[in-house]
Structure formats: structure tokens, C-alpha cells
Amino acid sequence: MKASDKFSSPTKKVNELWQTDFTYFKIIGWGWYYLSSVMDDYSRYIISWKLFTTMSANDVKATLDMALEKTGVSQVKVKQRPRLLSDNGPCYISGELRKYLDKNEIGHTRGAPYHPQTQGKIERYHRTMKNIILLQKYFFPWELEKEIHRFIEYYNNERYHESINNLIPRDVFYGRDREIITRRDKIKKRTLELRRKINLKNNYQKQSNNKLEYVKTIS
């Protein structure tokens, strides 16, 4: 499946497409560490993540194992398993990962070479994360893990996204988006109705005052 097919057919439900990628952090005295993440394309929810010292197929498999366990999609019968969207890094094009995906009935879409925008959502997520996390230095891996965990909790459970109707990823991922949007629409409708009544009242009062002034003027 080509990446261009994905853009012409955007996802319509959770667990339809998972984006995955690595990003890197330097820990003073320890060297480079690599964060592997799995994001649900539809909701922007970070399903799983883990910090590694390498970027191997085994690391990708470990992150996907966490995603499969959390969502339970491998334990129940579903019409369609999630597809995986990644770049063309060595760990993603390896035969080892292909066997793993085949075993778990997960399809695989790879972005066009030298075109990182294909994984635009997870790329933006990584940029947003690093803009905050890199404000300080880290001397131990667990310090970095703690800050990553804190950011992901905020990102999944508190941060509103304009691209998903100003909702938080958690509510979309767990299917509460329609209920929230319906409630918002009702509140908006009541607010507009109340504002209309207040405006009518103010206009009526203004007209009455004008008539009264007119009567005083001609009398």
C-alpha cells in the first residue's frame, strides 16, 4: 500500500492505522537514547512508548507488543487489524519485523523515501514533545523517562487538538467524542438562544426609551 493511498483515504475510526517512529535524546554521560512510539492515527492517542539504546526490529516489536496488549485487538476477533505506518528505516524494512507483522495480521504501509511528511502526525508530536522536554538536561535514563511519561500523560489526557474538533486524544480514542460534541452543541444552542432573548429585551427597552423621549419632546 502506498502512502499516497493513505492521504486520499483518511482514517475514520480508532485502531484503523497506527503511526510509529523513533526520535532521539542525549543523556549526559550515557549517550544517545531512542524513543519508540505508537500513535493511533485517528485520535492522535499515544498507545505505547518505550526508551531504548538502539533502533532495532526487536525494539519496534516490543513497542508494538505493548500497543497490542493495551488495545486488546490481538485477543478478540475484529474485521480488520490496525495497519502500521512507518518510514523506511532499517528496523522497519527488516525481514524480522515483516514476519512479526504477518504473524499478528498487521498490514504495513511505508512512507515514500526522503518524504518524512508521510508520518506528519507523529513527527509533529515528537517536535512538540522535544520543545518541552529538551528545556532541561538529563544525567540518568530514568530522569528522561519520567519527563516523557509526564508529557505523554498531558498530551493524551489534557492537551486539546484543533484537528480533532478541539478534543483531547483520550476522549476520541475511547469513543467519547460524539457525546462531548453533542453536549457542546446543546450548550452552544442554549447560549445563542439566551443571547437572542437578551438582545431582544435590550432592543425593546431601547425602543421604549426612545418613544418616551419622543413623547417628552413633543409635549
N, C-alpha and C. Protein backbone atom coordinates (compact mmCIF):
# COMPACT_ATOMS: atom_id res chain seq x y z
N MET A 1 0.85 -1.20 0.00
CA MET A 1 0.00 0.00 0.00
C MET A 1 0.88 1.25 0.00
N LYS A 2 0.62 2.18 -0.88
CA LYS A 2 1.39 3.40 -0.97
C LYS A 2 0.90 4.43 0.05
N ALA A 3 1.85 5.28 0.48
CA ALA A 3 1.47 6.32 1.44
C ALA A 3 0.44 7.26 0.86
N SER A 4 0.48 7.49 -0.46
CA SER A 4 -0.47 8.41 -1.09
C SER A 4 -1.90 7.90 -0.95
N ASP A 5 -2.07 6.56 -0.87
CA ASP A 5 -3.41 6.00 -0.68
C ASP A 5 -3.96 6.40 0.68
N LYS A 6 -3.08 6.47 1.65
CA LYS A 6 -3.50 6.84 2.99
C LYS A 6 -4.02 8.26 3.03
N PHE A 7 -3.36 9.19 2.36
CA PHE A 7 -3.77 10.58 2.39
C PHE A 7 -5.10 10.79 1.65
N SER A 8 -5.35 10.01 0.60
CA SER A 8 -6.60 10.16 -0.13
C SER A 8 -7.76 9.48 0.60
N SER A 9 -7.44 8.60 1.55
CA SER A 9 -8.48 7.91 2.33
C SER A 9 -8.16 8.04 3.82
N PRO A 10 -8.47 9.20 4.42
CA PRO A 10 -8.13 9.40 5.83
C PRO A 10 -8.87 8.41 6.73
N THR A 11 -8.26 8.12 7.86
CA THR A 11 -8.86 7.16 8.79
C THR A 11 -10.19 7.68 9.33
N LYS A 12 -11.07 6.74 9.62
CA LYS A 12 -12.42 7.09 10.09
C LYS A 12 -12.74 6.51 11.46
N LYS A 13 -11.80 5.76 12.04
CA LYS A 13 -12.04 5.16 13.35
C LYS A 13 -10.71 4.85 14.02
N VAL A 14 -10.79 4.60 15.32
CA VAL A 14 -9.57 4.28 16.07
C VAL A 14 -9.10 2.87 15.70
N ASN A 15 -7.82 2.65 15.89
CA ASN A 15 -7.18 1.36 15.61
C ASN A 15 -7.31 0.92 14.15
N GLU A 16 -7.50 1.90 13.29
CA GLU A 16 -7.50 1.60 11.86
C GLU A 16 -6.08 1.70 11.30
N LEU A 17 -5.34 2.70 11.79
CA LEU A 17 -3.97 2.91 11.35
C LEU A 17 -3.15 3.39 12.54
N TRP A 18 -1.99 2.76 12.73
CA TRP A 18 -1.06 3.19 13.77
C TRP A 18 0.19 3.77 13.12
N GLN A 19 0.57 4.96 13.55
CA GLN A 19 1.84 5.54 13.11
C GLN A 19 2.93 5.21 14.13
N THR A 20 4.11 4.90 13.64
CA THR A 20 5.22 4.61 14.55
C THR A 20 6.49 5.26 14.04
N ASP A 21 7.34 5.65 14.98
CA ASP A 21 8.61 6.29 14.61
C ASP A 21 9.51 6.33 15.83
N PHE A 22 10.79 6.61 15.58
CA PHE A 22 11.77 6.83 16.64
C PHE A 22 12.14 8.31 16.66
N THR A 23 12.48 8.80 17.83
CA THR A 23 13.17 10.08 17.96
C THR A 23 14.26 9.90 19.00
N TYR A 24 15.19 10.82 19.07
CA TYR A 24 16.38 10.58 19.88
C TYR A 24 16.60 11.68 20.92
N PHE A 25 17.25 11.27 22.02
CA PHE A 25 17.61 12.17 23.10
C PHE A 25 19.02 11.83 23.58
N LYS A 26 19.76 12.82 24.00
CA LYS A 26 21.10 12.58 24.54
C LYS A 26 21.08 12.74 26.05
N ILE A 27 21.58 11.71 26.73
CA ILE A 27 21.69 11.74 28.19
C ILE A 27 23.17 11.90 28.54
N ILE A 28 23.47 12.94 29.29
CA ILE A 28 24.86 13.27 29.60
C ILE A 28 25.52 12.10 30.33
N GLY A 29 26.64 11.64 29.79
CA GLY A 29 27.38 10.55 30.40
C GLY A 29 26.90 9.17 29.98
N TRP A 30 25.77 9.09 29.26
CA TRP A 30 25.20 7.82 28.83
C TRP A 30 25.14 7.69 27.32
N GLY A 31 25.07 8.81 26.63
CA GLY A 31 24.99 8.77 25.18
C GLY A 31 23.57 8.93 24.68
N TRP A 32 23.33 8.45 23.46
CA TRP A 32 22.04 8.63 22.80
C TRP A 32 21.06 7.53 23.20
N TYR A 33 19.81 7.96 23.45
CA TYR A 33 18.70 7.03 23.71
C TYR A 33 17.61 7.33 22.67
N TYR A 34 16.84 6.29 22.35
CA TYR A 34 15.89 6.39 21.25
C TYR A 34 14.48 6.03 21.75
N LEU A 35 13.56 6.95 21.52
CA LEU A 35 12.17 6.76 21.94
C LEU A 35 11.35 6.20 20.79
N SER A 36 10.78 5.04 21.00
CA SER A 36 9.88 4.43 20.03
C SER A 36 8.44 4.64 20.50
N SER A 37 7.58 5.12 19.61
CA SER A 37 6.19 5.41 19.97
C SER A 37 5.24 4.83 18.95
N VAL A 38 4.05 4.49 19.41
CA VAL A 38 2.95 4.07 18.53
C VAL A 38 1.78 5.01 18.78
N MET A 39 1.36 5.71 17.74
CA MET A 39 0.25 6.66 17.83
C MET A 39 -0.92 6.18 17.00
N ASP A 40 -2.12 6.28 17.57
CA ASP A 40 -3.33 6.00 16.79
C ASP A 40 -3.58 7.17 15.85
N ASP A 41 -3.64 6.89 14.56
CA ASP A 41 -3.74 7.96 13.56
C ASP A 41 -5.02 8.77 13.70
N TYR A 42 -6.13 8.14 14.01
CA TYR A 42 -7.42 8.82 14.03
C TYR A 42 -7.56 9.77 15.23
N SER A 43 -7.13 9.30 16.40
CA SER A 43 -7.34 10.07 17.63
C SER A 43 -6.13 10.84 18.11
N ARG A 44 -4.96 10.57 17.54
CA ARG A 44 -3.66 11.13 17.97
C ARG A 44 -3.23 10.58 19.33
N TYR A 45 -3.89 9.56 19.82
CA TYR A 45 -3.58 8.99 21.13
C TYR A 45 -2.29 8.19 21.07
N ILE A 46 -1.38 8.43 22.04
CA ILE A 46 -0.16 7.65 22.13
C ILE A 46 -0.49 6.35 22.85
N ILE A 47 -0.51 5.27 22.11
CA ILE A 47 -0.90 3.97 22.66
C ILE A 47 0.22 3.37 23.48
N SER A 48 1.44 3.44 22.96
CA SER A 48 2.57 2.84 23.67
C SER A 48 3.85 3.59 23.34
N TRP A 49 4.82 3.46 24.24
CA TRP A 49 6.12 4.09 24.02
C TRP A 49 7.15 3.40 24.91
N LYS A 50 8.40 3.46 24.47
CA LYS A 50 9.47 2.88 25.27
C LYS A 50 10.80 3.47 24.82
N LEU A 51 11.69 3.65 25.80
CA LEU A 51 13.02 4.21 25.54
C LEU A 51 14.02 3.07 25.38
N PHE A 52 14.83 3.16 24.31
CA PHE A 52 15.80 2.11 24.01
C PHE A 52 17.18 2.73 23.78
N THR A 53 18.19 1.85 23.79
CA THR A 53 19.55 2.28 23.46
C THR A 53 19.87 1.99 22.01
N THR A 54 18.96 1.35 21.29
CA THR A 54 19.14 1.05 19.87
C THR A 54 17.84 1.34 19.14
N MET A 55 17.88 1.18 17.81
CA MET A 55 16.66 1.29 16.99
C MET A 55 16.57 0.02 16.14
N SER A 56 16.29 -1.08 16.79
CA SER A 56 16.27 -2.38 16.12
C SER A 56 14.85 -2.86 15.89
N ALA A 57 14.72 -3.91 15.08
CA ALA A 57 13.41 -4.51 14.86
C ALA A 57 12.84 -5.04 16.16
N ASN A 58 13.70 -5.55 17.04
CA ASN A 58 13.23 -6.04 18.34
C ASN A 58 12.63 -4.91 19.16
N ASP A 59 13.20 -3.71 19.05
CA ASP A 59 12.65 -2.56 19.77
C ASP A 59 11.27 -2.19 19.23
N VAL A 60 11.13 -2.24 17.92
CA VAL A 60 9.83 -1.95 17.31
C VAL A 60 8.81 -2.99 17.76
N LYS A 61 9.21 -4.25 17.76
CA LYS A 61 8.32 -5.33 18.17
C LYS A 61 7.89 -5.16 19.63
N ALA A 62 8.82 -4.76 20.47
CA ALA A 62 8.48 -4.56 21.88
C ALA A 62 7.45 -3.45 22.05
N THR A 63 7.59 -2.38 21.30
CA THR A 63 6.63 -1.27 21.38
C THR A 63 5.27 -1.70 20.85
N LEU A 64 5.27 -2.47 19.77
CA LEU A 64 4.01 -2.96 19.21
C LEU A 64 3.35 -3.97 20.14
N ASP A 65 4.15 -4.80 20.82
CA ASP A 65 3.59 -5.73 21.80
C ASP A 65 2.80 -4.98 22.86
N MET A 66 3.35 -3.86 23.31
CA MET A 66 2.67 -3.04 24.32
C MET A 66 1.37 -2.47 23.77
N ALA A 67 1.39 -2.04 22.50
CA ALA A 67 0.19 -1.48 21.88
C ALA A 67 -0.88 -2.56 21.72
N LEU A 68 -0.48 -3.73 21.29
CA LEU A 68 -1.43 -4.84 21.12
C LEU A 68 -2.05 -5.24 22.45
N GLU A 69 -1.22 -5.26 23.49
CA GLU A 69 -1.73 -5.63 24.81
C GLU A 69 -2.70 -4.58 25.34
N LYS A 70 -2.36 -3.32 25.14
CA LYS A 70 -3.22 -2.25 25.66
C LYS A 70 -4.57 -2.20 24.95
N THR A 71 -4.56 -2.36 23.63
CA THR A 71 -5.81 -2.27 22.87
C THR A 71 -6.59 -3.57 22.87
N GLY A 72 -5.90 -4.69 23.04
CA GLY A 72 -6.57 -5.99 23.04
C GLY A 72 -7.00 -6.46 21.66
N VAL A 73 -6.54 -5.80 20.59
CA VAL A 73 -7.01 -6.16 19.25
C VAL A 73 -6.52 -7.54 18.82
N SER A 74 -5.47 -8.04 19.45
CA SER A 74 -4.97 -9.37 19.09
C SER A 74 -5.66 -10.47 19.86
N GLN A 75 -6.52 -10.09 20.83
CA GLN A 75 -7.16 -11.08 21.68
C GLN A 75 -8.63 -11.29 21.35
N VAL A 76 -9.16 -10.46 20.47
CA VAL A 76 -10.57 -10.59 20.08
C VAL A 76 -10.66 -10.62 18.56
N LYS A 77 -11.77 -11.15 18.07
CA LYS A 77 -11.98 -11.20 16.63
C LYS A 77 -12.44 -9.82 16.14
N VAL A 78 -11.70 -9.28 15.20
CA VAL A 78 -12.06 -7.99 14.62
C VAL A 78 -12.04 -8.13 13.10
N LYS A 79 -12.85 -7.32 12.43
CA LYS A 79 -12.92 -7.40 10.97
C LYS A 79 -11.59 -7.00 10.33
N GLN A 80 -10.94 -6.03 10.93
CA GLN A 80 -9.71 -5.53 10.34
C GLN A 80 -8.74 -5.14 11.44
N ARG A 81 -7.53 -5.68 11.38
CA ARG A 81 -6.48 -5.31 12.32
C ARG A 81 -5.91 -3.95 11.91
N PRO A 82 -5.27 -3.27 12.86
CA PRO A 82 -4.65 -2.00 12.51
C PRO A 82 -3.56 -2.19 11.45
N ARG A 83 -3.40 -1.19 10.60
CA ARG A 83 -2.26 -1.15 9.71
C ARG A 83 -1.18 -0.31 10.38
N LEU A 84 0.06 -0.59 10.04
CA LEU A 84 1.18 0.15 10.61
C LEU A 84 1.76 1.08 9.55
N LEU A 85 1.96 2.34 9.91
CA LEU A 85 2.57 3.31 9.02
C LEU A 85 3.93 3.71 9.60
N SER A 86 4.98 3.54 8.81
CA SER A 86 6.33 3.87 9.28
C SER A 86 7.13 4.46 8.13
N ASP A 87 8.36 4.86 8.44
CA ASP A 87 9.28 5.28 7.39
C ASP A 87 10.04 4.06 6.88
N ASN A 88 11.12 4.31 6.17
CA ASN A 88 11.88 3.21 5.56
C ASN A 88 13.19 2.94 6.29
N GLY A 89 13.21 3.20 7.59
CA GLY A 89 14.39 2.90 8.38
C GLY A 89 14.69 1.41 8.37
N PRO A 90 15.96 1.04 8.60
CA PRO A 90 16.35 -0.38 8.55
C PRO A 90 15.50 -1.29 9.43
N CYS A 91 15.12 -0.81 10.61
CA CYS A 91 14.33 -1.66 11.51
C CYS A 91 12.93 -1.91 10.97
N TYR A 92 12.42 -0.99 10.14
CA TYR A 92 11.06 -1.12 9.63
C TYR A 92 10.98 -1.94 8.34
N ILE A 93 12.09 -2.07 7.64
CA ILE A 93 12.06 -2.84 6.39
C ILE A 93 12.69 -4.22 6.57
N SER A 94 13.01 -4.56 7.80
CA SER A 94 13.68 -5.84 8.06
C SER A 94 12.73 -7.02 7.89
N GLY A 95 13.30 -8.15 7.53
CA GLY A 95 12.51 -9.37 7.42
C GLY A 95 11.96 -9.82 8.76
N GLU A 96 12.70 -9.53 9.82
CA GLU A 96 12.26 -9.90 11.16
C GLU A 96 10.95 -9.21 11.52
N LEU A 97 10.86 -7.91 11.22
CA LEU A 97 9.62 -7.19 11.52
C LEU A 97 8.49 -7.67 10.61
N ARG A 98 8.80 -7.94 9.34
CA ARG A 98 7.77 -8.42 8.43
C ARG A 98 7.14 -9.72 8.94
N LYS A 99 7.96 -10.64 9.44
CA LYS A 99 7.44 -11.90 9.98
C LYS A 99 6.55 -11.63 11.19
N TYR A 100 6.98 -10.70 12.03
CA TYR A 100 6.20 -10.36 13.21
C TYR A 100 4.83 -9.79 12.82
N LEU A 101 4.83 -8.88 11.86
CA LEU A 101 3.58 -8.26 11.42
C LEU A 101 2.67 -9.29 10.77
N ASP A 102 3.24 -10.17 9.97
CA ASP A 102 2.44 -11.23 9.34
C ASP A 102 1.80 -12.13 10.40
N LYS A 103 2.58 -12.47 11.40
CA LYS A 103 2.08 -13.34 12.47
C LYS A 103 0.91 -12.68 13.20
N ASN A 104 0.98 -11.37 13.38
CA ASN A 104 -0.07 -10.65 14.11
C ASN A 104 -1.12 -10.05 13.18
N GLU A 105 -1.05 -10.39 11.89
CA GLU A 105 -2.02 -9.95 10.90
C GLU A 105 -2.12 -8.42 10.83
N ILE A 106 -0.97 -7.78 10.88
CA ILE A 106 -0.91 -6.32 10.80
C ILE A 106 -0.32 -5.93 9.45
N GLY A 107 -1.06 -5.17 8.68
CA GLY A 107 -0.56 -4.69 7.41
C GLY A 107 0.48 -3.61 7.63
N HIS A 108 1.25 -3.30 6.61
CA HIS A 108 2.34 -2.34 6.78
C HIS A 108 2.38 -1.37 5.59
N THR A 109 2.29 -0.08 5.89
CA THR A 109 2.45 0.98 4.90
C THR A 109 3.72 1.73 5.22
N ARG A 110 4.58 1.90 4.22
CA ARG A 110 5.82 2.66 4.43
C ARG A 110 5.77 3.94 3.60
N GLY A 111 6.24 5.01 4.19
CA GLY A 111 6.23 6.30 3.52
C GLY A 111 7.21 6.34 2.37
N ALA A 112 7.00 7.32 1.49
CA ALA A 112 7.91 7.49 0.36
C ALA A 112 9.29 7.86 0.88
N PRO A 113 10.35 7.31 0.29
CA PRO A 113 11.71 7.65 0.72
C PRO A 113 11.96 9.16 0.65
N TYR A 114 12.68 9.68 1.65
CA TYR A 114 13.04 11.10 1.74
C TYR A 114 11.80 12.00 1.81
N HIS A 115 10.72 11.44 2.36
CA HIS A 115 9.48 12.22 2.47
C HIS A 115 8.91 12.01 3.86
N PRO A 116 9.55 12.60 4.90
CA PRO A 116 9.11 12.36 6.28
C PRO A 116 7.73 12.90 6.59
N GLN A 117 7.17 13.78 5.71
CA GLN A 117 5.84 14.32 5.96
C GLN A 117 4.76 13.24 5.97
N THR A 118 5.10 12.06 5.41
CA THR A 118 4.13 10.96 5.40
C THR A 118 3.68 10.64 6.81
N GLN A 119 4.62 10.66 7.74
CA GLN A 119 4.30 10.41 9.16
C GLN A 119 4.12 11.75 9.88
N GLY A 120 3.39 12.66 9.25
CA GLY A 120 3.29 14.02 9.76
C GLY A 120 2.78 14.13 11.17
N LYS A 121 1.81 13.31 11.55
CA LYS A 121 1.21 13.44 12.88
C LYS A 121 2.20 13.07 13.98
N ILE A 122 2.89 11.96 13.80
CA ILE A 122 3.83 11.55 14.85
C ILE A 122 5.08 12.42 14.82
N GLU A 123 5.43 12.95 13.64
CA GLU A 123 6.56 13.88 13.56
C GLU A 123 6.24 15.16 14.33
N ARG A 124 5.03 15.68 14.16
CA ARG A 124 4.65 16.90 14.89
C ARG A 124 4.59 16.63 16.40
N TYR A 125 4.11 15.45 16.75
CA TYR A 125 4.07 15.06 18.17
C TYR A 125 5.47 15.05 18.76
N HIS A 126 6.42 14.48 18.05
CA HIS A 126 7.80 14.44 18.54
C HIS A 126 8.38 15.85 18.68
N ARG A 127 8.09 16.72 17.72
CA ARG A 127 8.59 18.10 17.81
C ARG A 127 8.01 18.82 19.02
N THR A 128 6.71 18.65 19.21
CA THR A 128 6.04 19.28 20.35
C THR A 128 6.64 18.78 21.66
N MET A 129 6.85 17.48 21.75
CA MET A 129 7.43 16.89 22.94
C MET A 129 8.83 17.43 23.22
N LYS A 130 9.66 17.44 22.19
CA LYS A 130 11.05 17.83 22.39
C LYS A 130 11.19 19.32 22.70
N ASN A 131 10.25 20.13 22.21
CA ASN A 131 10.28 21.56 22.54
C ASN A 131 10.16 21.79 24.04
N ILE A 132 9.50 20.85 24.72
CA ILE A 132 9.32 20.97 26.17
C ILE A 132 10.39 20.18 26.93
N ILE A 133 10.58 18.93 26.54
CA ILE A 133 11.48 18.06 27.29
C ILE A 133 12.93 18.52 27.19
N LEU A 134 13.33 19.08 26.06
CA LEU A 134 14.71 19.49 25.89
C LEU A 134 15.03 20.83 26.54
N LEU A 135 14.08 21.38 27.29
CA LEU A 135 14.35 22.61 28.03
C LEU A 135 15.31 22.34 29.20
N GLN A 136 15.50 21.07 29.54
CA GLN A 136 16.43 20.75 30.62
C GLN A 136 17.35 19.61 30.19
N LYS A 137 18.44 19.44 30.92
CA LYS A 137 19.39 18.37 30.63
C LYS A 137 19.11 17.17 31.51
N TYR A 138 19.55 15.99 31.04
CA TYR A 138 19.30 14.75 31.76
C TYR A 138 20.61 14.02 31.97
N PHE A 139 20.78 13.48 33.19
CA PHE A 139 22.00 12.80 33.55
C PHE A 139 21.79 11.30 33.77
N PHE A 140 20.51 10.88 33.83
CA PHE A 140 20.18 9.47 34.00
C PHE A 140 18.99 9.12 33.14
N PRO A 141 18.94 7.88 32.61
CA PRO A 141 17.81 7.49 31.75
C PRO A 141 16.46 7.61 32.45
N TRP A 142 16.41 7.29 33.74
CA TRP A 142 15.12 7.34 34.42
C TRP A 142 14.60 8.77 34.59
N GLU A 143 15.51 9.74 34.61
CA GLU A 143 15.06 11.13 34.64
C GLU A 143 14.32 11.47 33.35
N LEU A 144 14.90 11.05 32.24
CA LEU A 144 14.27 11.30 30.95
C LEU A 144 12.95 10.55 30.83
N GLU A 145 12.93 9.30 31.25
CA GLU A 145 11.69 8.50 31.19
C GLU A 145 10.58 9.16 31.99
N LYS A 146 10.93 9.70 33.14
CA LYS A 146 9.94 10.36 33.99
C LYS A 146 9.32 11.56 33.28
N GLU A 147 10.15 12.37 32.61
CA GLU A 147 9.65 13.54 31.90
C GLU A 147 8.84 13.15 30.67
N ILE A 148 9.27 12.11 29.98
CA ILE A 148 8.50 11.62 28.83
C ILE A 148 7.12 11.16 29.28
N HIS A 149 7.11 10.40 30.35
CA HIS A 149 5.82 9.90 30.89
C HIS A 149 4.91 11.07 31.26
N ARG A 150 5.48 12.08 31.90
CA ARG A 150 4.68 13.24 32.31
C ARG A 150 4.11 13.97 31.09
N PHE A 151 4.93 14.12 30.06
CA PHE A 151 4.45 14.80 28.86
C PHE A 151 3.35 14.01 28.17
N ILE A 152 3.52 12.69 28.04
CA ILE A 152 2.53 11.88 27.35
C ILE A 152 1.21 11.87 28.11
N GLU A 153 1.27 11.87 29.43
CA GLU A 153 0.04 11.97 30.22
C GLU A 153 -0.69 13.27 29.90
N TYR A 154 0.07 14.35 29.80
CA TYR A 154 -0.52 15.64 29.44
C TYR A 154 -1.05 15.61 28.02
N TYR A 155 -0.26 15.09 27.09
CA TYR A 155 -0.64 15.06 25.68
C TYR A 155 -1.91 14.23 25.46
N ASN A 156 -2.00 13.08 26.08
CA ASN A 156 -3.15 12.20 25.89
C ASN A 156 -4.40 12.67 26.63
N ASN A 157 -4.22 13.26 27.80
CA ASN A 157 -5.35 13.47 28.71
C ASN A 157 -5.73 14.92 28.97
N GLU A 158 -4.90 15.87 28.50
CA GLU A 158 -5.21 17.27 28.80
C GLU A 158 -5.11 18.20 27.59
N ARG A 159 -4.27 17.88 26.65
CA ARG A 159 -3.99 18.80 25.55
C ARG A 159 -5.07 18.70 24.46
N TYR A 160 -5.73 19.82 24.17
CA TYR A 160 -6.78 19.85 23.15
C TYR A 160 -6.15 20.01 21.77
N HIS A 161 -6.72 19.32 20.78
CA HIS A 161 -6.21 19.34 19.41
C HIS A 161 -7.27 19.91 18.48
N GLU A 162 -6.91 20.97 17.79
CA GLU A 162 -7.84 21.57 16.84
C GLU A 162 -8.22 20.59 15.74
N SER A 163 -7.28 19.71 15.34
CA SER A 163 -7.52 18.79 14.23
C SER A 163 -8.50 17.68 14.59
N ILE A 164 -8.80 17.51 15.87
CA ILE A 164 -9.80 16.51 16.27
C ILE A 164 -10.94 17.20 17.02
N ASN A 165 -11.39 18.33 16.44
CA ASN A 165 -12.55 19.07 16.96
C ASN A 165 -12.32 19.61 18.37
N ASN A 166 -11.08 20.04 18.63
CA ASN A 166 -10.75 20.60 19.94
C ASN A 166 -11.10 19.65 21.09
N LEU A 167 -10.76 18.40 20.88
CA LEU A 167 -10.93 17.38 21.90
C LEU A 167 -9.55 16.89 22.33
N ILE A 168 -9.51 16.13 23.41
CA ILE A 168 -8.25 15.52 23.81
C ILE A 168 -8.20 14.11 23.23
N PRO A 169 -7.01 13.61 22.92
CA PRO A 169 -6.90 12.29 22.30
C PRO A 169 -7.59 11.17 23.08
N ARG A 170 -7.51 11.22 24.39
CA ARG A 170 -8.12 10.15 25.19
C ARG A 170 -9.61 10.00 24.91
N ASP A 171 -10.32 11.13 24.83
CA ASP A 171 -11.77 11.06 24.63
C ASP A 171 -12.11 10.52 23.25
N VAL A 172 -11.30 10.85 22.25
CA VAL A 172 -11.55 10.32 20.91
C VAL A 172 -11.21 8.83 20.86
N PHE A 173 -10.09 8.46 21.44
CA PHE A 173 -9.64 7.07 21.40
C PHE A 173 -10.64 6.14 22.09
N TYR A 174 -11.22 6.60 23.19
CA TYR A 174 -12.16 5.76 23.94
C TYR A 174 -13.62 6.01 23.57
N GLY A 175 -13.84 6.71 22.46
CA GLY A 175 -15.18 6.82 21.90
C GLY A 175 -16.12 7.79 22.59
N ARG A 176 -15.57 8.76 23.31
CA ARG A 176 -16.43 9.72 23.99
C ARG A 176 -16.60 11.02 23.21
N ASP A 177 -16.04 11.07 22.00
CA ASP A 177 -16.04 12.32 21.23
C ASP A 177 -17.44 12.76 20.82
N ARG A 178 -18.26 11.82 20.35
CA ARG A 178 -19.61 12.19 19.90
C ARG A 178 -20.45 12.74 21.05
N GLU A 179 -20.34 12.10 22.19
CA GLU A 179 -21.09 12.56 23.36
C GLU A 179 -20.68 13.97 23.75
N ILE A 180 -19.38 14.23 23.74
CA ILE A 180 -18.87 15.56 24.12
C ILE A 180 -19.29 16.61 23.10
N ILE A 181 -19.18 16.30 21.82
CA ILE A 181 -19.56 17.25 20.77
C ILE A 181 -21.06 17.54 20.83
N THR A 182 -21.88 16.52 21.08
CA THR A 182 -23.32 16.72 21.22
C THR A 182 -23.63 17.62 22.40
N ARG A 183 -22.95 17.40 23.51
CA ARG A 183 -23.16 18.24 24.70
C ARG A 183 -22.74 19.68 24.42
N ARG A 184 -21.62 19.84 23.73
CA ARG A 184 -21.17 21.19 23.37
C ARG A 184 -22.19 21.89 22.49
N ASP A 185 -22.74 21.16 21.51
CA ASP A 185 -23.72 21.75 20.60
C ASP A 185 -24.96 22.20 21.36
N LYS A 186 -25.39 21.41 22.34
CA LYS A 186 -26.56 21.78 23.14
C LYS A 186 -26.29 23.04 23.96
N ILE A 187 -25.08 23.10 24.55
CA ILE A 187 -24.72 24.29 25.33
C ILE A 187 -24.64 25.51 24.43
N LYS A 188 -24.06 25.33 23.24
CA LYS A 188 -23.96 26.44 22.30
C LYS A 188 -25.34 26.92 21.87
N LYS A 189 -26.24 25.97 21.63
CA LYS A 189 -27.60 26.33 21.22
C LYS A 189 -28.32 27.11 22.32
N ARG A 190 -28.18 26.64 23.58
CA ARG A 190 -28.81 27.34 24.69
C ARG A 190 -28.22 28.73 24.88
N THR A 191 -26.90 28.82 24.72
CA THR A 191 -26.23 30.11 24.88
C THR A 191 -26.69 31.11 23.82
N LEU A 192 -26.79 30.65 22.57
CA LEU A 192 -27.24 31.53 21.50
C LEU A 192 -28.69 31.96 21.70
N GLU A 193 -29.52 31.03 22.20
CA GLU A 193 -30.92 31.36 22.45
C GLU A 193 -31.04 32.39 23.57
N LEU A 194 -30.23 32.20 24.63
CA LEU A 194 -30.24 33.16 25.73
C LEU A 194 -29.75 34.52 25.27
N ARG A 195 -28.72 34.53 24.45
CA ARG A 195 -28.19 35.79 23.92
C ARG A 195 -29.23 36.48 23.04
N ARG A 196 -29.97 35.70 22.26
CA ARG A 196 -31.02 36.27 21.40
C ARG A 196 -32.11 36.93 22.25
N LYS A 197 -32.48 36.26 23.35
CA LYS A 197 -33.53 36.81 24.21
C LYS A 197 -33.05 38.09 24.88
N ILE A 198 -31.79 38.09 25.32
CA ILE A 198 -31.24 39.29 25.96
C ILE A 198 -31.19 40.45 24.97
N ASN A 199 -30.78 40.16 23.73
CA ASN A 199 -30.71 41.21 22.70
C ASN A 199 -32.09 41.75 22.38
N LEU A 200 -33.10 40.85 22.30
CA LEU A 200 -34.47 41.30 22.05
C LEU A 200 -34.97 42.19 23.17
N LYS A 201 -34.65 41.77 24.40
CA LYS A 201 -35.08 42.55 25.56
C LYS A 201 -34.43 43.93 25.56
N ASN A 202 -33.11 43.94 25.26
CA ASN A 202 -32.39 45.22 25.23
C ASN A 202 -32.91 46.13 24.13
N ASN A 203 -33.22 45.53 22.97
CA ASN A 203 -33.75 46.33 21.85
C ASN A 203 -35.13 46.88 22.18
N TYR A 204 -35.94 46.05 22.85
CA TYR A 204 -37.28 46.50 23.24
C TYR A 204 -37.19 47.65 24.24
N GLN A 205 -36.25 47.49 25.20
CA GLN A 205 -36.07 48.53 26.21
C GLN A 205 -35.58 49.83 25.57
N LYS A 206 -34.68 49.69 24.59
CA LYS A 206 -34.14 50.87 23.90
C LYS A 206 -35.23 51.58 23.12
N GLN A 207 -36.09 50.81 22.42
CA GLN A 207 -37.18 51.41 21.67
C GLN A 207 -38.17 52.11 22.59
N SER A 208 -38.43 51.50 23.72
CA SER A 208 -39.36 52.10 24.70
C SER A 208 -38.81 53.42 25.22
N ASN A 209 -37.52 53.41 25.50
CA ASN A 209 -36.88 54.64 25.99
C ASN A 209 -36.91 55.73 24.92
N ASN A 210 -36.71 55.35 23.67
CA ASN A 210 -36.74 56.32 22.58
C ASN A 210 -38.14 56.92 22.42
N LYS A 211 -39.16 56.06 22.55
CA LYS A 211 -40.54 56.56 22.45
C LYS A 211 -40.85 57.52 23.59
N LEU A 212 -40.36 57.17 24.76
CA LEU A 212 -40.60 58.02 25.91
C LEU A 212 -39.95 59.37 25.74
N GLU A 213 -38.74 59.39 25.22
CA GLU A 213 -38.03 60.64 24.97
C GLU A 213 -38.76 61.46 23.91
N TYR A 214 -39.31 60.78 22.92
CA TYR A 214 -40.01 61.47 21.86
C TYR A 214 -41.27 62.15 22.40
N VAL A 215 -41.98 61.39 23.27
CA VAL A 215 -43.21 61.95 23.85
C VAL A 215 -42.89 63.18 24.70
N LYS A 216 -41.80 63.11 25.44
CA LYS A 216 -41.41 64.25 26.26
C LYS A 216 -41.03 65.45 25.39
N THR A 217 -40.46 65.19 24.25
CA THR A 217 -40.02 66.26 23.38
C THR A 217 -41.18 67.03 22.76
N ILE A 218 -42.22 66.30 22.36
CA ILE A 218 -43.35 66.96 21.67
C ILE A 218 -44.41 67.49 22.65
N SER A 219 -44.32 67.09 23.90
CA SER A 219 -45.32 67.55 24.86
C SER A 219 -44.93 68.89 25.49
